[in-house]
């Protein structure tokens, strides 16, 4: 039950929060990057491809040819790095879709909630273990079974059996001896 609750509760919220964060990161970076120009004058290309945390990836064309990176604010203007600066400042930009938080604050909020949920689950697990141990102790006291007493009884019965076997063996020998005297 706890696993299902974690999957449908805290983990679902975590997955949703990370996906929202990834979507906003993809969107914000792509908007800024599309406005820039590459070293050869290219423009309008996305920096990130994908739509969620599960499939976010850097545009393969940029990986193959870094000159396509659209970091300049104007075509063929060497040294103009306005787009690169805008991209670097995205970490401090409040984003409306994240409730006015920055990307970093949004991430910290998600991780903080996960930590709180994990701590709560661990505390509940510890509480349940204490309760289970208490109930086991009560059950054992009601059933009246003591392992120590049972072992003592087992040893006593075993010795009693050995003594009875010796007595029967002795009586058998006496009978044989008595029968052999009559002949």
N, C-alpha and C. Protein backbone atom coordinates (compact mmCIF):
# COMPACT_ATOMS: atom_id res chain seq x y z
N UNK A 1 0.83 -1.19 0.00
CA UNK A 1 0.00 0.00 0.00
C UNK A 1 0.88 1.26 0.00
N UNK A 2 1.95 1.20 0.79
CA UNK A 2 2.86 2.35 0.86
C UNK A 2 3.54 2.61 -0.47
N UNK A 3 3.91 1.54 -1.18
CA UNK A 3 4.55 1.69 -2.48
C UNK A 3 3.61 2.34 -3.48
N UNK A 4 2.36 1.91 -3.46
CA UNK A 4 1.37 2.48 -4.38
C UNK A 4 1.12 3.95 -4.04
N UNK A 5 1.02 4.25 -2.74
CA UNK A 5 0.83 5.65 -2.33
C UNK A 5 2.01 6.51 -2.77
N UNK A 6 3.23 5.99 -2.61
CA UNK A 6 4.42 6.75 -3.02
C UNK A 6 4.41 6.97 -4.53
N UNK A 7 4.06 5.90 -5.28
CA UNK A 7 4.04 6.01 -6.75
C UNK A 7 2.98 7.01 -7.21
N UNK A 8 1.79 6.93 -6.63
CA UNK A 8 0.68 7.77 -7.09
C UNK A 8 0.67 9.14 -6.42
N UNK A 9 1.48 9.34 -5.40
CA UNK A 9 1.50 10.62 -4.69
C UNK A 9 2.78 11.38 -4.92
N UNK A 10 3.75 11.13 -4.04
CA UNK A 10 4.99 11.91 -4.04
C UNK A 10 5.78 11.75 -5.34
N UNK A 11 5.90 10.52 -5.84
CA UNK A 11 6.68 10.33 -7.07
C UNK A 11 5.98 10.93 -8.28
N UNK A 12 4.66 10.86 -8.30
CA UNK A 12 3.92 11.46 -9.42
C UNK A 12 4.10 12.98 -9.39
N UNK A 13 4.04 13.57 -8.20
CA UNK A 13 4.25 15.02 -8.07
C UNK A 13 5.68 15.40 -8.46
N UNK A 14 6.65 14.58 -8.04
CA UNK A 14 8.04 14.84 -8.39
C UNK A 14 8.23 14.79 -9.90
N UNK A 15 7.71 13.75 -10.52
CA UNK A 15 7.83 13.59 -11.98
C UNK A 15 7.17 14.77 -12.70
N UNK A 16 6.00 15.17 -12.23
CA UNK A 16 5.29 16.29 -12.84
C UNK A 16 6.08 17.59 -12.69
N UNK A 17 6.63 17.81 -11.49
CA UNK A 17 7.41 19.03 -11.24
C UNK A 17 8.67 19.09 -12.10
N UNK A 18 9.36 17.97 -12.23
CA UNK A 18 10.58 17.93 -13.04
C UNK A 18 10.23 18.12 -14.51
N UNK A 19 9.12 17.52 -14.96
CA UNK A 19 8.71 17.72 -16.36
C UNK A 19 8.35 19.17 -16.63
N UNK A 20 7.64 19.82 -15.69
CA UNK A 20 7.31 21.25 -15.86
C UNK A 20 8.58 22.08 -15.92
N UNK A 21 9.53 21.77 -15.05
CA UNK A 21 10.79 22.50 -15.04
C UNK A 21 11.53 22.31 -16.37
N UNK A 22 11.57 21.07 -16.87
CA UNK A 22 12.24 20.79 -18.15
C UNK A 22 11.55 21.50 -19.30
N UNK A 23 10.21 21.48 -19.32
CA UNK A 23 9.47 22.17 -20.39
C UNK A 23 9.80 23.66 -20.40
N UNK A 24 9.83 24.26 -19.21
CA UNK A 24 10.14 25.69 -19.13
C UNK A 24 11.58 25.98 -19.52
N UNK A 25 12.50 25.11 -19.15
CA UNK A 25 13.89 25.28 -19.54
C UNK A 25 14.02 25.19 -21.06
N UNK A 26 13.40 24.18 -21.65
CA UNK A 26 13.43 24.02 -23.12
C UNK A 26 12.87 25.26 -23.80
N UNK A 27 11.72 25.70 -23.33
CA UNK A 27 11.06 26.86 -23.94
C UNK A 27 11.89 28.13 -23.80
N UNK A 28 12.35 28.44 -22.61
CA UNK A 28 13.09 29.69 -22.37
C UNK A 28 14.41 29.72 -23.15
N UNK A 29 15.13 28.62 -23.14
CA UNK A 29 16.41 28.58 -23.86
C UNK A 29 16.16 28.69 -25.37
N UNK A 30 15.16 27.95 -25.87
CA UNK A 30 14.89 27.99 -27.32
C UNK A 30 14.43 29.38 -27.78
N UNK A 31 13.60 30.05 -26.97
CA UNK A 31 13.14 31.40 -27.35
C UNK A 31 14.34 32.34 -27.48
N UNK A 32 15.24 32.29 -26.50
CA UNK A 32 16.41 33.17 -26.55
C UNK A 32 17.35 32.77 -27.69
N UNK A 33 17.55 31.48 -27.87
CA UNK A 33 18.49 30.99 -28.89
C UNK A 33 17.99 31.29 -30.31
N UNK A 34 16.68 31.17 -30.54
CA UNK A 34 16.13 31.41 -31.89
C UNK A 34 16.35 32.86 -32.35
N UNK A 35 16.41 33.78 -31.40
CA UNK A 35 16.60 35.19 -31.75
C UNK A 35 18.05 35.50 -32.14
N UNK A 36 18.97 34.60 -31.86
CA UNK A 36 20.38 34.86 -32.13
C UNK A 36 20.81 34.43 -33.52
N UNK A 37 22.09 34.66 -33.76
CA UNK A 37 22.69 34.33 -35.05
C UNK A 37 23.96 33.51 -34.82
N UNK A 38 24.17 32.52 -35.70
CA UNK A 38 25.38 31.72 -35.65
C UNK A 38 26.51 32.43 -36.37
N UNK A 39 27.71 31.84 -36.33
CA UNK A 39 28.88 32.45 -36.98
C UNK A 39 28.70 32.59 -38.49
N UNK A 40 27.89 31.72 -39.09
CA UNK A 40 27.68 31.80 -40.55
C UNK A 40 26.35 32.46 -40.89
N UNK A 41 25.72 33.14 -39.89
CA UNK A 41 24.49 33.89 -40.14
C UNK A 41 23.21 33.10 -39.96
N UNK A 42 23.30 31.83 -39.58
CA UNK A 42 22.08 31.02 -39.38
C UNK A 42 21.30 31.55 -38.18
N UNK A 43 20.00 31.37 -38.25
CA UNK A 43 19.12 31.82 -37.16
C UNK A 43 17.87 30.96 -37.12
N UNK A 44 17.14 31.02 -36.00
CA UNK A 44 15.86 30.34 -35.88
C UNK A 44 15.92 28.89 -35.45
N UNK A 45 17.08 28.34 -35.16
CA UNK A 45 17.19 26.93 -34.76
C UNK A 45 16.99 26.78 -33.25
N UNK A 46 16.40 25.67 -32.88
CA UNK A 46 16.23 25.36 -31.45
C UNK A 46 17.55 24.86 -30.87
N UNK A 47 17.80 25.20 -29.62
CA UNK A 47 18.97 24.69 -28.91
C UNK A 47 18.66 23.30 -28.35
N UNK A 48 17.47 23.20 -27.69
CA UNK A 48 17.03 21.92 -27.14
C UNK A 48 15.92 21.33 -28.01
N UNK A 49 15.91 20.00 -28.12
CA UNK A 49 14.82 19.27 -28.75
C UNK A 49 14.14 18.45 -27.65
N UNK A 50 12.89 18.11 -27.86
CA UNK A 50 12.14 17.34 -26.86
C UNK A 50 11.10 18.22 -26.19
N UNK A 51 10.30 17.58 -25.35
CA UNK A 51 9.22 18.33 -24.70
C UNK A 51 9.11 18.06 -23.21
N UNK A 52 9.95 17.19 -22.65
CA UNK A 52 9.88 16.89 -21.21
C UNK A 52 11.25 16.43 -20.73
N UNK A 53 11.33 16.12 -19.45
CA UNK A 53 12.59 15.65 -18.87
C UNK A 53 13.00 14.31 -19.47
N UNK A 54 12.04 13.55 -19.93
CA UNK A 54 12.34 12.22 -20.46
C UNK A 54 13.03 12.27 -21.83
N UNK A 55 12.78 13.33 -22.60
CA UNK A 55 13.34 13.34 -23.95
C UNK A 55 14.11 14.61 -24.30
N UNK A 56 14.47 15.41 -23.31
CA UNK A 56 15.25 16.62 -23.59
C UNK A 56 16.64 16.23 -24.10
N UNK A 57 17.08 16.94 -25.13
CA UNK A 57 18.40 16.69 -25.69
C UNK A 57 18.83 17.94 -26.47
N UNK A 58 20.13 18.08 -26.61
CA UNK A 58 20.68 19.21 -27.38
C UNK A 58 20.52 18.87 -28.86
N UNK A 59 20.20 19.90 -29.64
CA UNK A 59 20.05 19.75 -31.09
C UNK A 59 21.33 19.15 -31.66
N UNK A 60 21.20 18.02 -32.35
CA UNK A 60 22.34 17.28 -32.89
C UNK A 60 23.16 18.13 -33.86
N UNK A 61 22.50 19.01 -34.61
CA UNK A 61 23.22 19.86 -35.57
C UNK A 61 24.21 20.78 -34.84
N UNK A 62 23.85 21.26 -33.65
CA UNK A 62 24.75 22.12 -32.88
C UNK A 62 25.93 21.33 -32.34
N UNK A 63 25.68 20.08 -32.00
CA UNK A 63 26.77 19.23 -31.49
C UNK A 63 27.76 18.92 -32.61
N UNK A 64 27.27 18.75 -33.82
CA UNK A 64 28.13 18.41 -34.95
C UNK A 64 28.88 19.63 -35.49
N UNK A 65 28.24 20.81 -35.42
CA UNK A 65 28.87 22.02 -35.93
C UNK A 65 28.62 23.17 -34.95
N UNK A 66 29.52 23.41 -33.99
CA UNK A 66 29.33 24.47 -32.99
C UNK A 66 29.21 25.87 -33.57
N UNK A 67 29.61 26.07 -34.82
CA UNK A 67 29.48 27.41 -35.43
C UNK A 67 28.01 27.76 -35.65
N UNK A 68 27.12 26.78 -35.56
CA UNK A 68 25.68 27.04 -35.71
C UNK A 68 25.06 27.58 -34.42
N UNK A 69 25.81 27.54 -33.33
CA UNK A 69 25.30 28.07 -32.06
C UNK A 69 24.99 29.55 -32.22
N UNK A 70 23.76 29.92 -31.97
CA UNK A 70 23.27 31.28 -32.23
C UNK A 70 23.46 32.14 -30.99
N UNK A 71 24.70 32.55 -30.73
CA UNK A 71 25.03 33.31 -29.53
C UNK A 71 25.09 34.81 -29.78
N UNK A 72 25.14 35.22 -31.04
CA UNK A 72 25.27 36.64 -31.38
C UNK A 72 23.90 37.30 -31.50
N UNK A 73 23.86 38.58 -31.15
CA UNK A 73 22.61 39.33 -31.24
C UNK A 73 22.35 39.90 -32.62
N UNK A 74 23.35 39.90 -33.51
CA UNK A 74 23.16 40.41 -34.86
C UNK A 74 23.97 39.55 -35.84
N UNK A 75 23.52 39.50 -37.07
CA UNK A 75 24.16 38.66 -38.08
C UNK A 75 25.57 39.17 -38.38
N UNK A 76 26.52 38.28 -38.42
CA UNK A 76 27.90 38.53 -38.82
C UNK A 76 28.60 39.58 -37.96
N UNK A 77 28.12 39.80 -36.73
CA UNK A 77 28.78 40.77 -35.83
C UNK A 77 29.63 39.99 -34.83
N UNK A 78 30.90 39.90 -35.12
CA UNK A 78 31.80 39.15 -34.24
C UNK A 78 31.95 39.90 -32.92
N UNK A 79 31.92 39.12 -31.82
CA UNK A 79 32.05 39.72 -30.50
C UNK A 79 30.73 40.13 -29.87
N UNK A 80 29.66 40.12 -30.65
CA UNK A 80 28.35 40.46 -30.10
C UNK A 80 27.79 39.18 -29.45
N UNK A 81 27.78 39.16 -28.14
CA UNK A 81 27.34 37.96 -27.44
C UNK A 81 26.07 38.20 -26.61
N UNK A 82 25.20 39.05 -27.10
CA UNK A 82 23.97 39.38 -26.35
C UNK A 82 23.11 38.15 -26.07
N UNK A 83 22.98 37.25 -27.04
CA UNK A 83 22.16 36.06 -26.84
C UNK A 83 22.82 35.12 -25.83
N UNK A 84 24.13 34.99 -25.90
CA UNK A 84 24.84 34.16 -24.93
C UNK A 84 24.66 34.71 -23.52
N UNK A 85 24.71 36.04 -23.38
CA UNK A 85 24.48 36.65 -22.07
C UNK A 85 23.05 36.42 -21.60
N UNK A 86 22.10 36.54 -22.51
CA UNK A 86 20.69 36.31 -22.15
C UNK A 86 20.49 34.86 -21.69
N UNK A 87 21.15 33.92 -22.36
CA UNK A 87 21.05 32.52 -21.96
C UNK A 87 21.66 32.31 -20.58
N UNK A 88 22.77 32.98 -20.31
CA UNK A 88 23.43 32.80 -19.02
C UNK A 88 22.62 33.41 -17.88
N UNK A 89 21.78 34.38 -18.18
CA UNK A 89 20.99 35.03 -17.15
C UNK A 89 19.62 34.37 -16.93
N UNK A 90 19.33 33.32 -17.69
CA UNK A 90 18.05 32.63 -17.52
C UNK A 90 17.91 32.03 -16.12
N UNK A 91 19.02 31.70 -15.51
CA UNK A 91 18.97 31.13 -14.16
C UNK A 91 18.41 32.10 -13.14
N UNK A 92 18.50 33.41 -13.41
CA UNK A 92 18.00 34.42 -12.46
C UNK A 92 16.68 35.04 -12.90
N UNK A 93 16.14 34.58 -14.01
CA UNK A 93 14.92 35.17 -14.55
C UNK A 93 13.69 34.48 -13.94
N UNK A 94 12.79 35.27 -13.32
CA UNK A 94 11.55 34.68 -12.81
C UNK A 94 10.67 34.22 -13.98
N UNK A 95 10.11 33.02 -13.85
CA UNK A 95 9.31 32.45 -14.93
C UNK A 95 7.88 32.30 -14.44
N UNK A 96 6.96 32.91 -15.17
CA UNK A 96 5.55 32.92 -14.77
C UNK A 96 4.96 31.53 -14.63
N UNK A 97 5.31 30.62 -15.53
CA UNK A 97 4.76 29.27 -15.48
C UNK A 97 5.23 28.49 -14.25
N UNK A 98 6.29 28.97 -13.60
CA UNK A 98 6.78 28.34 -12.37
C UNK A 98 6.36 29.13 -11.14
N UNK A 99 5.33 29.95 -11.29
CA UNK A 99 4.85 30.74 -10.16
C UNK A 99 5.78 31.88 -9.81
N UNK A 100 6.50 32.40 -10.81
CA UNK A 100 7.41 33.52 -10.58
C UNK A 100 8.77 33.09 -10.03
N UNK A 101 9.01 31.81 -9.94
CA UNK A 101 10.30 31.33 -9.45
C UNK A 101 11.31 31.25 -10.60
N UNK A 102 12.58 31.29 -10.24
CA UNK A 102 13.61 31.06 -11.24
C UNK A 102 13.73 29.55 -11.46
N UNK A 103 14.46 29.14 -12.49
CA UNK A 103 14.66 27.71 -12.75
C UNK A 103 15.35 27.04 -11.55
N UNK A 104 16.36 27.69 -11.00
CA UNK A 104 17.08 27.15 -9.85
C UNK A 104 16.19 27.02 -8.62
N UNK A 105 15.39 28.05 -8.36
CA UNK A 105 14.48 27.99 -7.21
C UNK A 105 13.42 26.92 -7.41
N UNK A 106 12.95 26.78 -8.65
CA UNK A 106 11.97 25.73 -8.94
C UNK A 106 12.55 24.35 -8.68
N UNK A 107 13.79 24.15 -9.12
CA UNK A 107 14.46 22.86 -8.88
C UNK A 107 14.64 22.63 -7.37
N UNK A 108 15.12 23.66 -6.66
CA UNK A 108 15.33 23.52 -5.22
C UNK A 108 14.02 23.22 -4.50
N UNK A 109 12.93 23.80 -4.96
CA UNK A 109 11.62 23.54 -4.36
C UNK A 109 11.20 22.09 -4.56
N UNK A 110 11.43 21.57 -5.76
CA UNK A 110 11.08 20.17 -6.06
C UNK A 110 11.90 19.23 -5.18
N UNK A 111 13.21 19.47 -5.11
CA UNK A 111 14.08 18.62 -4.31
C UNK A 111 13.73 18.72 -2.83
N UNK A 112 13.39 19.91 -2.37
CA UNK A 112 12.99 20.10 -0.96
C UNK A 112 11.73 19.32 -0.62
N UNK A 113 10.75 19.38 -1.53
CA UNK A 113 9.50 18.62 -1.29
C UNK A 113 9.78 17.12 -1.27
N UNK A 114 10.66 16.67 -2.16
CA UNK A 114 11.02 15.25 -2.17
C UNK A 114 11.67 14.87 -0.84
N UNK A 115 12.58 15.70 -0.35
CA UNK A 115 13.23 15.43 0.93
C UNK A 115 12.25 15.37 2.08
N UNK A 116 11.29 16.30 2.09
CA UNK A 116 10.27 16.30 3.13
C UNK A 116 9.41 15.04 3.06
N UNK A 117 9.01 14.67 1.85
CA UNK A 117 8.19 13.46 1.68
C UNK A 117 8.97 12.21 2.10
N UNK A 118 10.23 12.15 1.73
CA UNK A 118 11.05 11.00 2.09
C UNK A 118 11.23 10.92 3.60
N UNK A 119 11.46 12.04 4.24
CA UNK A 119 11.59 12.07 5.70
C UNK A 119 10.30 11.62 6.37
N UNK A 120 9.18 12.08 5.86
CA UNK A 120 7.88 11.68 6.40
C UNK A 120 7.64 10.19 6.25
N UNK A 121 7.98 9.65 5.09
CA UNK A 121 7.80 8.20 4.85
C UNK A 121 8.71 7.40 5.78
N UNK A 122 9.96 7.84 5.95
CA UNK A 122 10.87 7.13 6.85
C UNK A 122 10.37 7.16 8.29
N UNK A 123 9.81 8.29 8.72
CA UNK A 123 9.28 8.39 10.08
C UNK A 123 8.06 7.47 10.24
N UNK A 124 7.20 7.44 9.24
CA UNK A 124 6.04 6.55 9.29
C UNK A 124 6.46 5.09 9.32
N UNK A 125 7.50 4.75 8.58
CA UNK A 125 8.02 3.38 8.58
C UNK A 125 8.55 3.01 9.96
N UNK A 126 9.29 3.92 10.58
CA UNK A 126 9.81 3.66 11.92
C UNK A 126 8.67 3.49 12.92
N UNK A 127 7.64 4.34 12.81
CA UNK A 127 6.48 4.23 13.70
C UNK A 127 5.77 2.89 13.51
N UNK A 128 5.60 2.47 12.27
CA UNK A 128 4.93 1.19 11.99
C UNK A 128 5.74 0.01 12.53
N UNK A 129 7.08 0.11 12.46
CA UNK A 129 7.93 -0.95 12.99
C UNK A 129 7.77 -1.06 14.50
N UNK A 130 7.73 0.07 15.18
CA UNK A 130 7.53 0.06 16.64
C UNK A 130 6.19 -0.57 16.99
N UNK A 131 5.15 -0.20 16.26
CA UNK A 131 3.81 -0.75 16.51
C UNK A 131 3.80 -2.25 16.24
N UNK A 132 4.42 -2.69 15.14
CA UNK A 132 4.47 -4.12 14.82
C UNK A 132 5.20 -4.90 15.91
N UNK A 133 6.32 -4.37 16.39
CA UNK A 133 7.07 -5.04 17.45
C UNK A 133 6.24 -5.12 18.74
N UNK A 134 5.52 -4.05 19.05
CA UNK A 134 4.66 -4.03 20.24
C UNK A 134 3.55 -5.08 20.12
N UNK A 135 2.92 -5.14 18.96
CA UNK A 135 1.85 -6.12 18.76
C UNK A 135 2.39 -7.55 18.79
N UNK A 136 3.57 -7.77 18.25
CA UNK A 136 4.17 -9.11 18.29
C UNK A 136 4.44 -9.52 19.73
N UNK A 137 4.95 -8.59 20.52
CA UNK A 137 5.20 -8.88 21.94
C UNK A 137 3.93 -9.21 22.68
N UNK A 138 2.86 -8.47 22.40
CA UNK A 138 1.57 -8.75 23.05
C UNK A 138 1.03 -10.10 22.61
N UNK A 139 1.15 -10.44 21.33
CA UNK A 139 0.68 -11.72 20.84
C UNK A 139 1.43 -12.87 21.50
N UNK A 140 2.76 -12.72 21.60
CA UNK A 140 3.56 -13.76 22.23
C UNK A 140 3.21 -13.94 23.71
N UNK A 141 2.91 -12.85 24.40
CA UNK A 141 2.57 -12.97 25.82
C UNK A 141 1.21 -13.63 26.01
N UNK A 142 0.30 -13.45 25.07
CA UNK A 142 -1.02 -14.07 25.16
C UNK A 142 -0.96 -15.54 24.81
N UNK A 143 -0.15 -15.91 23.84
CA UNK A 143 -0.09 -17.30 23.41
C UNK A 143 0.57 -18.19 24.46
N UNK A 144 1.36 -17.63 25.37
CA UNK A 144 1.96 -18.39 26.46
C UNK A 144 3.11 -19.27 26.02
N UNK A 145 3.62 -19.11 24.85
CA UNK A 145 4.71 -19.94 24.37
C UNK A 145 6.03 -19.24 24.69
N UNK A 146 6.88 -19.98 25.43
CA UNK A 146 8.20 -19.46 25.74
C UNK A 146 9.21 -20.46 25.19
N UNK A 147 10.11 -20.02 24.37
CA UNK A 147 11.08 -20.90 23.75
C UNK A 147 11.98 -21.52 24.83
N UNK A 148 12.34 -20.77 25.85
CA UNK A 148 13.19 -21.29 26.92
C UNK A 148 12.50 -22.43 27.67
N UNK A 149 11.23 -22.21 28.01
CA UNK A 149 10.49 -23.26 28.72
C UNK A 149 10.31 -24.50 27.86
N UNK A 150 10.04 -24.30 26.59
CA UNK A 150 9.86 -25.44 25.69
C UNK A 150 11.14 -26.24 25.55
N UNK A 151 12.29 -25.58 25.49
CA UNK A 151 13.57 -26.28 25.41
C UNK A 151 13.84 -27.07 26.69
N UNK A 152 13.54 -26.49 27.83
CA UNK A 152 13.73 -27.20 29.11
C UNK A 152 12.83 -28.43 29.16
N UNK A 153 11.57 -28.29 28.73
CA UNK A 153 10.65 -29.44 28.71
C UNK A 153 11.13 -30.51 27.75
N UNK A 154 11.63 -30.13 26.59
CA UNK A 154 12.12 -31.07 25.61
C UNK A 154 13.30 -31.88 26.17
N UNK A 155 14.21 -31.20 26.85
CA UNK A 155 15.35 -31.89 27.46
C UNK A 155 14.88 -32.85 28.55
N UNK A 156 13.93 -32.43 29.37
CA UNK A 156 13.41 -33.27 30.44
C UNK A 156 12.72 -34.51 29.88
N UNK A 157 11.91 -34.35 28.84
CA UNK A 157 11.21 -35.49 28.22
C UNK A 157 12.20 -36.44 27.55
N UNK A 158 13.26 -35.88 26.95
CA UNK A 158 14.26 -36.73 26.31
C UNK A 158 14.97 -37.58 27.35
N UNK A 159 15.30 -37.02 28.49
CA UNK A 159 15.97 -37.79 29.56
C UNK A 159 15.01 -38.83 30.15
N UNK A 160 13.75 -38.46 30.24
CA UNK A 160 12.75 -39.42 30.74
C UNK A 160 12.63 -40.60 29.78
N UNK A 161 12.65 -40.34 28.51
CA UNK A 161 12.58 -41.42 27.51
C UNK A 161 13.80 -42.32 27.61
N UNK A 162 14.99 -41.71 27.76
CA UNK A 162 16.21 -42.49 27.88
C UNK A 162 16.17 -43.39 29.13
N UNK A 163 15.65 -42.85 30.24
CA UNK A 163 15.55 -43.65 31.47
C UNK A 163 14.57 -44.79 31.29
N UNK A 164 13.45 -44.53 30.65
CA UNK A 164 12.46 -45.59 30.40
C UNK A 164 13.04 -46.67 29.50
N UNK A 165 13.77 -46.30 28.49
CA UNK A 165 14.39 -47.27 27.59
C UNK A 165 15.39 -48.13 28.35
N UNK A 166 16.16 -47.54 29.26
CA UNK A 166 17.13 -48.28 30.06
C UNK A 166 16.42 -49.26 30.99
N UNK A 167 15.29 -48.83 31.59
CA UNK A 167 14.51 -49.69 32.49
C UNK A 167 13.97 -50.88 31.72
N UNK A 168 13.42 -50.66 30.55
CA UNK A 168 12.87 -51.76 29.75
C UNK A 168 13.98 -52.71 29.34
N UNK A 169 15.13 -52.17 28.97
CA UNK A 169 16.28 -53.00 28.59
C UNK A 169 16.73 -53.85 29.78
N UNK A 170 16.76 -53.26 30.97
CA UNK A 170 17.16 -54.00 32.18
C UNK A 170 16.16 -55.10 32.49
N UNK A 171 14.87 -54.80 32.40
CA UNK A 171 13.83 -55.81 32.66
C UNK A 171 13.93 -56.92 31.64
N UNK A 172 14.19 -56.62 30.41
CA UNK A 172 14.34 -57.62 29.36
C UNK A 172 15.51 -58.55 29.66
N UNK A 173 16.63 -57.97 30.10
CA UNK A 173 17.79 -58.78 30.46
C UNK A 173 17.48 -59.68 31.65
N UNK A 174 16.77 -59.17 32.65
CA UNK A 174 16.38 -59.96 33.82
C UNK A 174 15.48 -61.11 33.41
N UNK A 175 14.55 -60.88 32.51
CA UNK A 175 13.66 -61.92 32.05
C UNK A 175 14.44 -63.01 31.33
N UNK A 176 15.39 -62.60 30.48
CA UNK A 176 16.22 -63.59 29.78
C UNK A 176 17.02 -64.41 30.78
N UNK A 177 17.57 -63.76 31.76
CA UNK A 177 18.36 -64.47 32.76
C UNK A 177 17.50 -65.41 33.56
N UNK A 178 16.30 -64.99 33.95
CA UNK A 178 15.39 -65.82 34.73
C UNK A 178 14.94 -67.02 33.92
N UNK A 179 14.62 -66.87 32.68
CA UNK A 179 14.16 -67.96 31.83
C UNK A 179 15.31 -68.95 31.57
N UNK A 180 16.51 -68.46 31.50
CA UNK A 180 17.61 -69.37 31.26
C UNK A 180 17.98 -70.18 32.50
N UNK A 181 17.62 -69.75 33.69
CA UNK A 181 17.88 -70.47 34.94
C UNK A 181 16.94 -71.66 35.09
N UNK A 182 15.73 -71.58 34.62
CA UNK A 182 14.73 -72.62 34.77
C UNK A 182 15.10 -73.82 33.91
N UNK A 183 15.79 -73.73 32.96
CA UNK A 183 16.06 -74.84 32.05
C UNK A 183 17.03 -75.75 32.60
